[in-house]
């Protein structure tokens, strides 16, 4: 009986070792296919064996590699084989397609709140989803250098995101300094007293990343640029509650990161900027044709944001309602710095 038990234990040990080796072999093959194969770089069984031996110091025969590929396919990994392409093996699908990777990389360049070093790090990680033949950073170096002057100098953006997310999950208030640029082109605290707010949501808007929060002593939701937040601290105080409906209502009506009570706005616009109007205010706005050159836009939004937006399109936009907003814009035009003394 004792001999039988010993033999059984030995056989189980061997089987476990074989199974462990089988799993490891599959990982070797997958890593080689992940790094060194794509539609333009198809690997033969022999190519895979040589790379595994060179990189990992392991010798796998043809049958072992074929078995590993079958195991990977059974696991749901799409691998093109001789039956598909008559040349060899390559990884058919990845977490991100090449076009998706390029799209995300281009998006990184447009986001000023991610600094140059962080941009390079993220781009490198995105490129690692592709085969080594498509991971070269050289094509992006000029883009990174061109965009560096527009990038944030605050290195705490990702730490801020992590802490804000933690505070939201724990329903806690946060405390931080809010920065602004001085004439020395450096960031300085806007005020000595830190801000204490109830964080509700983070959102991207106008190529910036914002925290939507309720500030102490204010009922309205306020937007803070996350790249201008410094020395963030999670407090023990429970944050103020706001319904999803109310938060969405405030955020949807935010224009140029101004949040306030929405009111009816009517504008006469040049037809040449119709696309810009729809991009900014969405498809829910009411539009009616007024003449060959102009259309009327009718929608609801915070007036303080509309004033800023309308001034950017001054030759092409005339605010008709509300009256107070129209008068504010007229006063801004009269007070412009280019007028004669």
C-alpha atoms as a PDB file:
ATOM      1  CA  UNK A   1       0.000   0.000   0.000  1.00  0.00           C
ATOM      2  CA  UNK A   2       2.820   2.374   0.904  1.00  0.00           C
ATOM      3  CA  UNK A   3       4.542   1.702  -2.440  1.00  0.00           C
ATOM      4  CA  UNK A   4       1.268   2.353  -4.269  1.00  0.00           C
ATOM      5  CA  UNK A   5       0.847   5.695  -2.472  1.00  0.00           C
ATOM      6  CA  UNK A   6       4.444   6.673  -3.254  1.00  0.00           C
ATOM      7  CA  UNK A   7       3.962   5.850  -6.954  1.00  0.00           C
ATOM      8  CA  UNK A   8       0.670   7.756  -7.010  1.00  0.00           C
ATOM      9  CA  UNK A   9       2.287  10.812  -5.417  1.00  0.00           C
ATOM     10  CA  UNK A  10       5.170  10.569  -7.883  1.00  0.00           C
ATOM     11  CA  UNK A  11       2.784  10.386 -10.860  1.00  0.00           C
ATOM     12  CA  UNK A  12       0.786  13.345  -9.559  1.00  0.00           C
ATOM     13  CA  UNK A  13       4.020  15.304  -9.120  1.00  0.00           C
ATOM     14  CA  UNK A  14       5.082  14.496 -12.690  1.00  0.00           C
ATOM     15  CA  UNK A  15       1.679  15.478 -14.050  1.00  0.00           C
ATOM     16  CA  UNK A  16       1.769  18.774 -12.178  1.00  0.00           C
ATOM     17  CA  UNK A  17       5.250  19.465 -13.497  1.00  0.00           C
ATOM     18  CA  UNK A  18       4.145  18.667 -17.052  1.00  0.00           C
ATOM     19  CA  UNK A  19       1.080  20.890 -16.677  1.00  0.00           C
ATOM     20  CA  UNK A  20       3.212  23.710 -15.255  1.00  0.00           C
ATOM     21  CA  UNK A  21       5.692  23.354 -18.107  1.00  0.00           C
ATOM     22  CA  UNK A  22       2.812  23.297 -20.594  1.00  0.00           C
ATOM     23  CA  UNK A  23       1.466  26.578 -19.223  1.00  0.00           C
ATOM     24  CA  UNK A  24       4.926  28.125 -19.245  1.00  0.00           C
ATOM     25  CA  UNK A  25       5.515  26.991 -22.831  1.00  0.00           C
ATOM     26  CA  UNK A  26       2.243  28.613 -23.867  1.00  0.00           C
ATOM     27  CA  UNK A  27       3.365  31.872 -22.231  1.00  0.00           C
ATOM     28  CA  UNK A  28       6.716  31.734 -24.050  1.00  0.00           C
ATOM     29  CA  UNK A  29       4.958  31.281 -27.384  1.00  0.00           C
ATOM     30  CA  UNK A  30       2.393  34.001 -26.651  1.00  0.00           C
ATOM     31  CA  UNK A  31       5.079  36.513 -25.676  1.00  0.00           C
ATOM     32  CA  UNK A  32       7.038  35.831 -28.876  1.00  0.00           C
ATOM     33  CA  UNK A  33       3.917  36.196 -31.016  1.00  0.00           C
ATOM     34  CA  UNK A  34       2.933  39.354 -29.113  1.00  0.00           C
ATOM     35  CA  UNK A  35       6.307  41.038 -29.577  1.00  0.00           C
ATOM     36  CA  UNK A  36       7.534  39.742 -32.916  1.00  0.00           C
ATOM     37  CA  UNK A  37       4.535  38.945 -35.110  1.00  0.00           C
ATOM     38  CA  UNK A  38       1.921  40.848 -37.090  1.00  0.00           C
ATOM     39  CA  UNK A  39       0.402  40.604 -40.577  1.00  0.00           C
ATOM     40  CA  UNK A  40       3.647  41.797 -42.130  1.00  0.00           C
ATOM     41  CA  UNK A  41       5.911  39.674 -39.911  1.00  0.00           C
ATOM     42  CA  UNK A  42       4.706  36.065 -39.902  1.00  0.00           C
ATOM     43  CA  UNK A  43       6.736  33.539 -37.891  1.00  0.00           C
ATOM     44  CA  UNK A  44       7.349  29.908 -38.749  1.00  0.00           C
ATOM     45  CA  UNK A  45       7.478  27.190 -36.102  1.00  0.00           C
ATOM     46  CA  UNK A  46      11.257  27.299 -36.411  1.00  0.00           C
ATOM     47  CA  UNK A  47      11.341  31.103 -35.999  1.00  0.00           C
ATOM     48  CA  UNK A  48       9.372  30.830 -32.764  1.00  0.00           C
ATOM     49  CA  UNK A  49      11.662  28.083 -31.430  1.00  0.00           C
ATOM     50  CA  UNK A  50      14.804  30.107 -32.193  1.00  0.00           C
ATOM     51  CA  UNK A  51      13.493  33.240 -30.502  1.00  0.00           C
ATOM     52  CA  UNK A  52      12.395  31.324 -27.383  1.00  0.00           C
ATOM     53  CA  UNK A  53      15.814  29.712 -27.109  1.00  0.00           C
ATOM     54  CA  UNK A  54      17.624  33.010 -27.657  1.00  0.00           C
ATOM     55  CA  UNK A  55      15.499  35.095 -25.280  1.00  0.00           C
ATOM     56  CA  UNK A  56      14.457  32.596 -22.605  1.00  0.00           C
ATOM     57  CA  UNK A  57      17.097  29.883 -22.965  1.00  0.00           C
ATOM     58  CA  UNK A  58      14.437  27.193 -23.427  1.00  0.00           C
ATOM     59  CA  UNK A  59      14.423  24.571 -26.170  1.00  0.00           C
ATOM     60  CA  UNK A  60      10.958  23.713 -27.510  1.00  0.00           C
ATOM     61  CA  UNK A  61      10.380  21.256 -30.320  1.00  0.00           C
ATOM     62  CA  UNK A  62       7.926  21.664 -33.169  1.00  0.00           C
ATOM     63  CA  UNK A  63       5.213  19.555 -31.536  1.00  0.00           C
ATOM     64  CA  UNK A  64       5.412  21.476 -28.241  1.00  0.00           C
ATOM     65  CA  UNK A  65       5.048  24.819 -30.013  1.00  0.00           C
ATOM     66  CA  UNK A  66       2.062  23.583 -32.049  1.00  0.00           C
ATOM     67  CA  UNK A  67       0.454  22.249 -28.877  1.00  0.00           C
ATOM     68  CA  UNK A  68       1.029  25.583 -27.102  1.00  0.00           C
ATOM     69  CA  UNK A  69      -0.592  27.459 -29.985  1.00  0.00           C
ATOM     70  CA  UNK A  70      -3.605  25.124 -29.843  1.00  0.00           C
ATOM     71  CA  UNK A  71      -3.893  25.767 -26.096  1.00  0.00           C
ATOM     72  CA  UNK A  72      -3.768  29.525 -26.654  1.00  0.00           C
ATOM     73  CA  UNK A  73      -6.457  29.305 -29.324  1.00  0.00           C
ATOM     74  CA  UNK A  74      -8.631  27.205 -27.005  1.00  0.00           C
ATOM     75  CA  UNK A  75      -8.194  29.952 -24.418  1.00  0.00           C
ATOM     76  CA  UNK A  76      -9.670  32.469 -26.863  1.00  0.00           C
ATOM     77  CA  UNK A  77      -6.538  34.097 -28.290  1.00  0.00           C
ATOM     78  CA  UNK A  78      -6.815  34.677 -32.025  1.00  0.00           C
ATOM     79  CA  UNK A  79      -3.720  33.384 -33.807  1.00  0.00           C
ATOM     80  CA  UNK A  80      -3.483  33.138 -37.579  1.00  0.00           C
ATOM     81  CA  UNK A  81      -1.923  29.794 -38.624  1.00  0.00           C
ATOM     82  CA  UNK A  82      -0.622  28.000 -41.708  1.00  0.00           C
ATOM     83  CA  UNK A  83      -4.193  27.013 -42.531  1.00  0.00           C
ATOM     84  CA  UNK A  84      -5.154  30.692 -42.719  1.00  0.00           C
ATOM     85  CA  UNK A  85      -2.171  32.339 -44.406  1.00  0.00           C
ATOM     86  CA  UNK A  86       0.048  29.450 -45.659  1.00  0.00           C
ATOM     87  CA  UNK A  87       3.121  31.150 -44.178  1.00  0.00           C
ATOM     88  CA  UNK A  88       3.159  30.636 -40.417  1.00  0.00           C
ATOM     89  CA  UNK A  89       1.841  32.222 -37.250  1.00  0.00           C
ATOM     90  CA  UNK A  90       1.008  35.737 -36.115  1.00  0.00           C
ATOM     91  CA  UNK A  91      -1.126  37.309 -33.414  1.00  0.00           C
ATOM     92  CA  UNK A  92      -4.329  38.294 -35.156  1.00  0.00           C
ATOM     93  CA  UNK A  93      -5.942  40.536 -32.529  1.00  0.00           C
ATOM     94  CA  UNK A  94      -4.553  42.756 -29.780  1.00  0.00           C
ATOM     95  CA  UNK A  95      -5.946  44.847 -26.932  1.00  0.00           C
ATOM     96  CA  UNK A  96      -5.741  47.831 -29.278  1.00  0.00           C
ATOM     97  CA  UNK A  97      -5.685  47.858 -33.059  1.00  0.00           C
ATOM     98  CA  UNK A  98      -2.946  49.941 -34.669  1.00  0.00           C
ATOM     99  CA  UNK A  99      -5.456  52.611 -35.740  1.00  0.00           C
ATOM    100  CA  UNK A 100      -6.833  52.799 -32.177  1.00  0.00           C
ATOM    101  CA  UNK A 101      -3.308  53.215 -30.809  1.00  0.00           C
ATOM    102  CA  UNK A 102      -2.553  56.051 -33.240  1.00  0.00           C
ATOM    103  CA  UNK A 103      -5.837  57.760 -32.357  1.00  0.00           C
ATOM    104  CA  UNK A 104      -5.093  57.624 -28.625  1.00  0.00           C
ATOM    105  CA  UNK A 105      -1.522  58.847 -29.144  1.00  0.00           C
ATOM    106  CA  UNK A 106      -2.743  61.845 -31.146  1.00  0.00           C
ATOM    107  CA  UNK A 107      -5.235  62.554 -28.363  1.00  0.00           C
ATOM    108  CA  UNK A 108      -2.357  62.653 -25.850  1.00  0.00           C
ATOM    109  CA  UNK A 109      -0.715  65.465 -27.839  1.00  0.00           C
ATOM    110  CA  UNK A 110      -3.881  67.566 -27.666  1.00  0.00           C
ATOM    111  CA  UNK A 111      -4.260  67.251 -23.883  1.00  0.00           C
ATOM    112  CA  UNK A 112      -2.324  70.124 -22.336  1.00  0.00           C
ATOM    113  CA  UNK A 113      -2.882  68.907 -18.778  1.00  0.00           C
ATOM    114  CA  UNK A 114      -0.558  65.923 -19.369  1.00  0.00           C
ATOM    115  CA  UNK A 115       3.044  67.140 -19.215  1.00  0.00           C
ATOM    116  CA  UNK A 116       5.823  66.179 -21.632  1.00  0.00           C
ATOM    117  CA  UNK A 117       7.365  63.393 -19.518  1.00  0.00           C
ATOM    118  CA  UNK A 118       3.973  61.854 -18.760  1.00  0.00           C
ATOM    119  CA  UNK A 119       3.021  62.072 -22.442  1.00  0.00           C
ATOM    120  CA  UNK A 120       6.137  60.123 -23.424  1.00  0.00           C
ATOM    121  CA  UNK A 121       5.430  57.502 -20.764  1.00  0.00           C
ATOM    122  CA  UNK A 122       1.814  56.986 -21.857  1.00  0.00           C
ATOM    123  CA  UNK A 123       2.755  56.879 -25.543  1.00  0.00           C
ATOM    124  CA  UNK A 124       5.397  54.247 -24.795  1.00  0.00           C
ATOM    125  CA  UNK A 125       2.798  52.111 -22.992  1.00  0.00           C
ATOM    126  CA  UNK A 126       0.359  52.470 -25.873  1.00  0.00           C
ATOM    127  CA  UNK A 127       3.022  51.480 -28.406  1.00  0.00           C
ATOM    128  CA  UNK A 128       3.811  48.363 -26.360  1.00  0.00           C
ATOM    129  CA  UNK A 129       0.393  47.000 -27.339  1.00  0.00           C
ATOM    130  CA  UNK A 130       1.829  46.573 -30.852  1.00  0.00           C
ATOM    131  CA  UNK A 131       4.603  44.398 -32.252  1.00  0.00           C
ATOM    132  CA  UNK A 132       8.174  45.707 -31.885  1.00  0.00           C
ATOM    133  CA  UNK A 133       8.119  46.767 -35.537  1.00  0.00           C
ATOM    134  CA  UNK A 134       5.501  49.406 -34.732  1.00  0.00           C
ATOM    135  CA  UNK A 135       6.839  50.685 -31.401  1.00  0.00           C
ATOM    136  CA  UNK A 136       9.310  53.297 -32.618  1.00  0.00           C
ATOM    137  CA  UNK A 137       9.038  56.585 -30.702  1.00  0.00           C
ATOM    138  CA  UNK A 138      11.109  58.456 -33.285  1.00  0.00           C
ATOM    139  CA  UNK A 139       8.120  59.437 -35.403  1.00  0.00           C
ATOM    140  CA  UNK A 140       6.564  61.145 -32.361  1.00  0.00           C
ATOM    141  CA  UNK A 141       9.602  63.000 -30.999  1.00  0.00           C
ATOM    142  CA  UNK A 142       8.992  66.127 -33.107  1.00  0.00           C
ATOM    143  CA  UNK A 143       5.326  66.137 -32.147  1.00  0.00           C
ATOM    144  CA  UNK A 144       6.209  65.877 -28.466  1.00  0.00           C
ATOM    145  CA  UNK A 145       8.739  68.719 -28.736  1.00  0.00           C
ATOM    146  CA  UNK A 146       6.285  70.903 -30.681  1.00  0.00           C
ATOM    147  CA  UNK A 147       3.572  70.411 -28.078  1.00  0.00           C
ATOM    148  CA  UNK A 148       5.850  70.774 -25.017  1.00  0.00           C
ATOM    149  CA  UNK A 149       5.292  74.563 -24.735  1.00  0.00           C
ATOM    150  CA  UNK A 150       1.549  73.960 -24.426  1.00  0.00           C
ATOM    151  CA  UNK A 151       1.887  71.195 -21.843  1.00  0.00           C
ATOM    152  CA  UNK A 152       1.186  71.666 -18.144  1.00  0.00           C
ATOM    153  CA  UNK A 153       4.153  72.140 -15.827  1.00  0.00           C
ATOM    154  CA  UNK A 154       2.268  70.511 -12.938  1.00  0.00           C
ATOM    155  CA  UNK A 155       3.674  67.002 -12.403  1.00  0.00           C
ATOM    156  CA  UNK A 156       0.946  66.028  -9.930  1.00  0.00           C
ATOM    157  CA  UNK A 157      -1.907  65.513 -12.422  1.00  0.00           C
ATOM    158  CA  UNK A 158      -2.049  61.724 -12.149  1.00  0.00           C
ATOM    159  CA  UNK A 159      -1.641  61.816  -8.371  1.00  0.00           C
ATOM    160  CA  UNK A 160      -4.474  64.348  -8.254  1.00  0.00           C
ATOM    161  CA  UNK A 161      -6.678  62.054 -10.330  1.00  0.00           C
ATOM    162  CA  UNK A 162      -5.964  59.098  -8.023  1.00  0.00           C
ATOM    163  CA  UNK A 163      -6.686  61.074  -4.850  1.00  0.00           C
ATOM    164  CA  UNK A 164      -9.831  62.703  -6.233  1.00  0.00           C
ATOM    165  CA  UNK A 165     -11.112  59.337  -7.396  1.00  0.00           C
ATOM    166  CA  UNK A 166     -10.436  57.883  -3.934  1.00  0.00           C
ATOM    167  CA  UNK A 167     -12.259  60.780  -2.266  1.00  0.00           C
ATOM    168  CA  UNK A 168     -15.277  60.364  -4.548  1.00  0.00           C
ATOM    169  CA  UNK A 169     -15.390  56.620  -3.836  1.00  0.00           C
ATOM    170  CA  UNK A 170     -15.199  57.255  -0.073  1.00  0.00           C
ATOM    171  CA  UNK A 171     -17.635  60.219  -0.201  1.00  0.00           C
ATOM    172  CA  UNK A 172     -15.061  62.494   1.488  1.00  0.00           C
ATOM    173  CA  UNK A 173     -14.265  66.191   1.097  1.00  0.00           C
ATOM    174  CA  UNK A 174     -10.876  67.300  -0.187  1.00  0.00           C
ATOM    175  CA  UNK A 175      -8.615  70.268   0.513  1.00  0.00           C
ATOM    176  CA  UNK A 176      -6.146  71.758  -1.985  1.00  0.00           C
ATOM    177  CA  UNK A 177      -4.388  74.854  -3.247  1.00  0.00           C
ATOM    178  CA  UNK A 178      -5.613  76.169  -6.575  1.00  0.00           C
ATOM    179  CA  UNK A 179      -2.924  77.615  -8.817  1.00  0.00           C
ATOM    180  CA  UNK A 180      -2.767  80.323 -11.453  1.00  0.00           C
ATOM    181  CA  UNK A 181       0.021  81.693 -13.659  1.00  0.00           C
ATOM    182  CA  UNK A 182       1.961  84.780 -12.641  1.00  0.00           C
ATOM    183  CA  UNK A 183       3.856  87.188 -14.880  1.00  0.00           C
ATOM    184  CA  UNK A 184       6.931  85.029 -14.304  1.00  0.00           C
ATOM    185  CA  UNK A 185       5.082  82.281 -16.234  1.00  0.00           C
ATOM    186  CA  UNK A 186       5.126  80.069 -13.155  1.00  0.00           C
ATOM    187  CA  UNK A 187       2.223  78.636 -11.182  1.00  0.00           C
ATOM    188  CA  UNK A 188       1.367  80.246  -7.840  1.00  0.00           C
ATOM    189  CA  UNK A 189      -1.489  79.690  -5.349  1.00  0.00           C
ATOM    190  CA  UNK A 190      -4.510  81.817  -6.246  1.00  0.00           C
ATOM    191  CA  UNK A 191      -5.094  82.552  -2.562  1.00  0.00           C
ATOM    192  CA  UNK A 192      -3.482  81.720   0.774  1.00  0.00           C
ATOM    193  CA  UNK A 193      -6.489  79.846   2.160  1.00  0.00           C
ATOM    194  CA  UNK A 194      -6.873  76.321   0.705  1.00  0.00           C
ATOM    195  CA  UNK A 195     -10.089  75.351  -1.049  1.00  0.00           C
ATOM    196  CA  UNK A 196     -12.307  72.794   0.682  1.00  0.00           C
ATOM    197  CA  UNK A 197     -14.808  71.145  -1.660  1.00  0.00           C
ATOM    198  CA  UNK A 198     -17.072  68.151  -2.089  1.00  0.00           C
ATOM    199  CA  UNK A 199     -15.796  66.326  -5.207  1.00  0.00           C
ATOM    200  CA  UNK A 200     -18.508  64.891  -7.464  1.00  0.00           C
ATOM    201  CA  UNK A 201     -17.050  63.970 -10.843  1.00  0.00           C
ATOM    202  CA  UNK A 202     -14.046  64.404 -13.147  1.00  0.00           C
ATOM    203  CA  UNK A 203     -14.674  65.326 -16.764  1.00  0.00           C
ATOM    204  CA  UNK A 204     -12.853  66.388 -19.923  1.00  0.00           C
ATOM    205  CA  UNK A 205     -14.009  69.597 -21.583  1.00  0.00           C
ATOM    206  CA  UNK A 206     -12.396  71.929 -24.135  1.00  0.00           C
ATOM    207  CA  UNK A 207      -9.207  69.804 -24.053  1.00  0.00           C
ATOM    208  CA  UNK A 208      -8.861  70.319 -20.294  1.00  0.00           C
ATOM    209  CA  UNK A 209      -9.580  67.975 -17.383  1.00  0.00           C
ATOM    210  CA  UNK A 210     -11.864  69.290 -14.665  1.00  0.00           C
ATOM    211  CA  UNK A 211     -13.177  68.414 -11.241  1.00  0.00           C
ATOM    212  CA  UNK A 212     -16.858  69.225 -10.766  1.00  0.00           C
ATOM    213  CA  UNK A 213     -17.297  70.034  -7.087  1.00  0.00           C
ATOM    214  CA  UNK A 214     -19.411  71.919  -4.579  1.00  0.00           C
ATOM    215  CA  UNK A 215     -17.333  74.542  -2.804  1.00  0.00           C
ATOM    216  CA  UNK A 216     -17.953  75.457   0.810  1.00  0.00           C
ATOM    217  CA  UNK A 217     -20.406  78.325   1.080  1.00  0.00           C
ATOM    218  CA  UNK A 218     -21.658  77.953  -2.503  1.00  0.00           C
ATOM    219  CA  UNK A 219     -24.689  76.040  -3.764  1.00  0.00           C
ATOM    220  CA  UNK A 220     -23.599  75.885  -7.405  1.00  0.00           C
ATOM    221  CA  UNK A 221     -21.328  73.237  -8.848  1.00  0.00           C
ATOM    222  CA  UNK A 222     -17.907  74.705  -9.662  1.00  0.00           C
ATOM    223  CA  UNK A 223     -15.279  73.435 -12.099  1.00  0.00           C
ATOM    224  CA  UNK A 224     -11.608  73.263 -11.108  1.00  0.00           C
ATOM    225  CA  UNK A 225      -8.884  72.412 -13.605  1.00  0.00           C
ATOM    226  CA  UNK A 226      -7.154  69.307 -12.273  1.00  0.00           C
ATOM    227  CA  UNK A 227      -3.756  70.376 -13.626  1.00  0.00           C
ATOM    228  CA  UNK A 228      -4.002  73.545 -11.494  1.00  0.00           C
ATOM    229  CA  UNK A 229      -4.738  71.665  -8.264  1.00  0.00           C
ATOM    230  CA  UNK A 230      -1.817  71.270  -5.842  1.00  0.00           C
ATOM    231  CA  UNK A 231      -1.212  69.747  -2.386  1.00  0.00           C
ATOM    232  CA  UNK A 232      -4.452  67.802  -2.438  1.00  0.00           C
ATOM    233  CA  UNK A 233      -5.551  66.163   0.818  1.00  0.00           C
ATOM    234  CA  UNK A 234      -8.492  63.861   1.550  1.00  0.00           C
ATOM    235  CA  UNK A 235     -10.381  64.995   4.653  1.00  0.00           C
ATOM    236  CA  UNK A 236     -12.394  62.970   7.154  1.00  0.00           C
ATOM    237  CA  UNK A 237     -15.511  65.079   6.544  1.00  0.00           C
ATOM    238  CA  UNK A 238     -18.325  63.489   4.548  1.00  0.00           C
ATOM    239  CA  UNK A 239     -18.883  65.351   1.283  1.00  0.00           C
ATOM    240  CA  UNK A 240     -22.121  67.093   0.399  1.00  0.00           C
ATOM    241  CA  UNK A 241     -24.536  65.016  -1.649  1.00  0.00           C
ATOM    242  CA  UNK A 242     -25.940  65.946  -5.034  1.00  0.00           C
ATOM    243  CA  UNK A 243     -28.283  63.881  -7.166  1.00  0.00           C
ATOM    244  CA  UNK A 244     -27.047  62.483 -10.463  1.00  0.00           C
ATOM    245  CA  UNK A 245     -29.809  64.438 -12.172  1.00  0.00           C
ATOM    246  CA  UNK A 246     -28.709  67.760 -10.678  1.00  0.00           C
ATOM    247  CA  UNK A 247     -25.033  67.095 -11.399  1.00  0.00           C
ATOM    248  CA  UNK A 248     -25.760  66.118 -15.010  1.00  0.00           C
ATOM    249  CA  UNK A 249     -27.954  69.192 -15.421  1.00  0.00           C
ATOM    250  CA  UNK A 250     -25.153  71.496 -14.259  1.00  0.00           C
ATOM    251  CA  UNK A 251     -22.467  69.790 -16.341  1.00  0.00           C
ATOM    252  CA  UNK A 252     -24.504  69.576 -19.548  1.00  0.00           C
ATOM    253  CA  UNK A 253     -25.080  73.310 -19.413  1.00  0.00           C
ATOM    254  CA  UNK A 254     -21.404  74.115 -18.776  1.00  0.00           C
ATOM    255  CA  UNK A 255     -19.941  76.311 -21.505  1.00  0.00           C
ATOM    256  CA  UNK A 256     -16.231  77.078 -21.602  1.00  0.00           C
ATOM    257  CA  UNK A 257     -16.035  75.568 -18.102  1.00  0.00           C
ATOM    258  CA  UNK A 258     -18.453  78.118 -16.623  1.00  0.00           C
ATOM    259  CA  UNK A 259     -21.217  76.566 -14.578  1.00  0.00           C
ATOM    260  CA  UNK A 260     -24.323  78.373 -13.407  1.00  0.00           C
ATOM    261  CA  UNK A 261     -28.079  78.500 -13.735  1.00  0.00           C
ATOM    262  CA  UNK A 262     -29.115  77.843 -17.326  1.00  0.00           C
ATOM    263  CA  UNK A 263     -31.329  80.382 -19.067  1.00  0.00           C
ATOM    264  CA  UNK A 264     -32.733  80.829 -22.533  1.00  0.00           C
ATOM    265  CA  UNK A 265     -30.227  82.224 -25.029  1.00  0.00           C
ATOM    266  CA  UNK A 266     -31.075  83.416 -28.546  1.00  0.00           C
ATOM    267  CA  UNK A 267     -28.290  84.256 -31.019  1.00  0.00           C
ATOM    268  CA  UNK A 268     -28.102  85.378 -34.636  1.00  0.00           C
ATOM    269  CA  UNK A 269     -25.203  83.498 -36.240  1.00  0.00           C
ATOM    270  CA  UNK A 270     -23.388  83.509 -39.543  1.00  0.00           C
ATOM    271  CA  UNK A 271     -24.080  80.241 -41.377  1.00  0.00           C
ATOM    272  CA  UNK A 272     -20.338  79.755 -41.734  1.00  0.00           C
ATOM    273  CA  UNK A 273     -20.054  78.851 -38.041  1.00  0.00           C
ATOM    274  CA  UNK A 274     -23.009  76.444 -37.868  1.00  0.00           C
ATOM    275  CA  UNK A 275     -20.632  73.529 -37.266  1.00  0.00           C
ATOM    276  CA  UNK A 276     -18.950  75.344 -34.356  1.00  0.00           C
ATOM    277  CA  UNK A 277     -22.326  76.139 -32.780  1.00  0.00           C
ATOM    278  CA  UNK A 278     -23.451  72.500 -32.943  1.00  0.00           C
ATOM    279  CA  UNK A 279     -20.058  71.267 -31.675  1.00  0.00           C
ATOM    280  CA  UNK A 280     -20.325  73.566 -28.653  1.00  0.00           C
ATOM    281  CA  UNK A 281     -24.015  73.364 -27.762  1.00  0.00           C
ATOM    282  CA  UNK A 282     -25.072  69.989 -29.164  1.00  0.00           C
ATOM    283  CA  UNK A 283     -27.884  68.818 -31.391  1.00  0.00           C
ATOM    284  CA  UNK A 284     -30.626  69.696 -28.889  1.00  0.00           C
ATOM    285  CA  UNK A 285     -30.546  73.390 -29.819  1.00  0.00           C
ATOM    286  CA  UNK A 286     -33.328  74.886 -31.931  1.00  0.00           C
ATOM    287  CA  UNK A 287     -32.165  76.322 -35.252  1.00  0.00           C
ATOM    288  CA  UNK A 288     -34.211  78.297 -37.743  1.00  0.00           C
ATOM    289  CA  UNK A 289     -33.211  79.875 -41.026  1.00  0.00           C
ATOM    290  CA  UNK A 290     -33.414  83.691 -40.996  1.00  0.00           C
ATOM    291  CA  UNK A 291     -31.803  84.799 -44.249  1.00  0.00           C
ATOM    292  CA  UNK A 292     -29.349  83.736 -46.891  1.00  0.00           C
ATOM    293  CA  UNK A 293     -26.463  84.587 -44.560  1.00  0.00           C
ATOM    294  CA  UNK A 294     -27.789  84.083 -41.008  1.00  0.00           C
ATOM    295  CA  UNK A 295     -29.602  81.564 -38.816  1.00  0.00           C
ATOM    296  CA  UNK A 296     -31.115  81.881 -35.349  1.00  0.00           C
ATOM    297  CA  UNK A 297     -29.952  79.554 -32.554  1.00  0.00           C
ATOM    298  CA  UNK A 298     -32.212  79.088 -29.518  1.00  0.00           C
ATOM    299  CA  UNK A 299     -31.083  77.024 -26.492  1.00  0.00           C
ATOM    300  CA  UNK A 300     -30.473  77.031 -22.728  1.00  0.00           C
ATOM    301  CA  UNK A 301     -27.029  77.565 -21.134  1.00  0.00           C
ATOM    302  CA  UNK A 302     -25.265  79.602 -18.386  1.00  0.00           C
ATOM    303  CA  UNK A 303     -24.986  83.202 -19.602  1.00  0.00           C
ATOM    304  CA  UNK A 304     -21.469  83.789 -18.198  1.00  0.00           C
ATOM    305  CA  UNK A 305     -20.063  81.043 -20.408  1.00  0.00           C
ATOM    306  CA  UNK A 306     -21.998  82.301 -23.434  1.00  0.00           C
ATOM    307  CA  UNK A 307     -20.539  85.785 -23.025  1.00  0.00           C
ATOM    308  CA  UNK A 308     -17.001  84.436 -23.268  1.00  0.00           C
ATOM    309  CA  UNK A 309     -17.895  82.170 -26.197  1.00  0.00           C
ATOM    310  CA  UNK A 310     -19.735  84.894 -28.132  1.00  0.00           C
ATOM    311  CA  UNK A 311     -16.781  87.281 -27.824  1.00  0.00           C
ATOM    312  CA  UNK A 312     -14.552  84.679 -29.493  1.00  0.00           C
ATOM    313  CA  UNK A 313     -16.880  84.702 -32.513  1.00  0.00           C
ATOM    314  CA  UNK A 314     -17.635  88.418 -32.357  1.00  0.00           C
ATOM    315  CA  UNK A 315     -17.876  89.129 -36.111  1.00  0.00           C
ATOM    316  CA  UNK A 316     -20.148  86.124 -36.631  1.00  0.00           C
ATOM    317  CA  UNK A 317     -22.420  86.034 -33.553  1.00  0.00           C
ATOM    318  CA  UNK A 318     -24.938  88.514 -32.181  1.00  0.00           C
ATOM    319  CA  UNK A 319     -26.632  87.652 -28.881  1.00  0.00           C
ATOM    320  CA  UNK A 320     -30.274  88.764 -28.983  1.00  0.00           C
ATOM    321  CA  UNK A 321     -31.504  87.389 -25.644  1.00  0.00           C
ATOM    322  CA  UNK A 322     -31.323  87.637 -22.694  1.00  0.00           C
ATOM    323  CA  UNK A 323     -31.146  91.427 -22.620  1.00  0.00           C
ATOM    324  CA  UNK A 324     -28.702  91.553 -19.695  1.00  0.00           C
ATOM    325  CA  UNK A 325     -26.254  89.231 -21.475  1.00  0.00           C
ATOM    326  CA  UNK A 326     -26.490  91.311 -24.649  1.00  0.00           C
ATOM    327  CA  UNK A 327     -25.754  94.499 -22.677  1.00  0.00           C
ATOM    328  CA  UNK A 328     -22.792  92.857 -20.911  1.00  0.00           C
ATOM    329  CA  UNK A 329     -21.287  91.918 -24.274  1.00  0.00           C
ATOM    330  CA  UNK A 330     -21.819  95.458 -25.589  1.00  0.00           C
ATOM    331  CA  UNK A 331     -20.082  96.844 -22.480  1.00  0.00           C
ATOM    332  CA  UNK A 332     -17.168  94.421 -23.008  1.00  0.00           C
ATOM    333  CA  UNK A 333     -16.828  95.565 -26.614  1.00  0.00           C
ATOM    334  CA  UNK A 334     -16.878  99.237 -25.576  1.00  0.00           C
ATOM    335  CA  UNK A 335     -14.235  98.588 -22.910  1.00  0.00           C
ATOM    336  CA  UNK A 336     -11.822  96.747 -25.205  1.00  0.00           C
ATOM    337  CA  UNK A 337      -8.124  97.590 -25.041  1.00  0.00           C
ATOM    338  CA  UNK A 338      -7.912  98.604 -28.718  1.00  0.00           C
ATOM    339  CA  UNK A 339     -10.235 101.585 -28.444  1.00  0.00           C
ATOM    340  CA  UNK A 340      -8.824 105.115 -28.864  1.00  0.00           C
ATOM    341  CA  UNK A 341      -7.999 106.924 -25.637  1.00  0.00           C
END
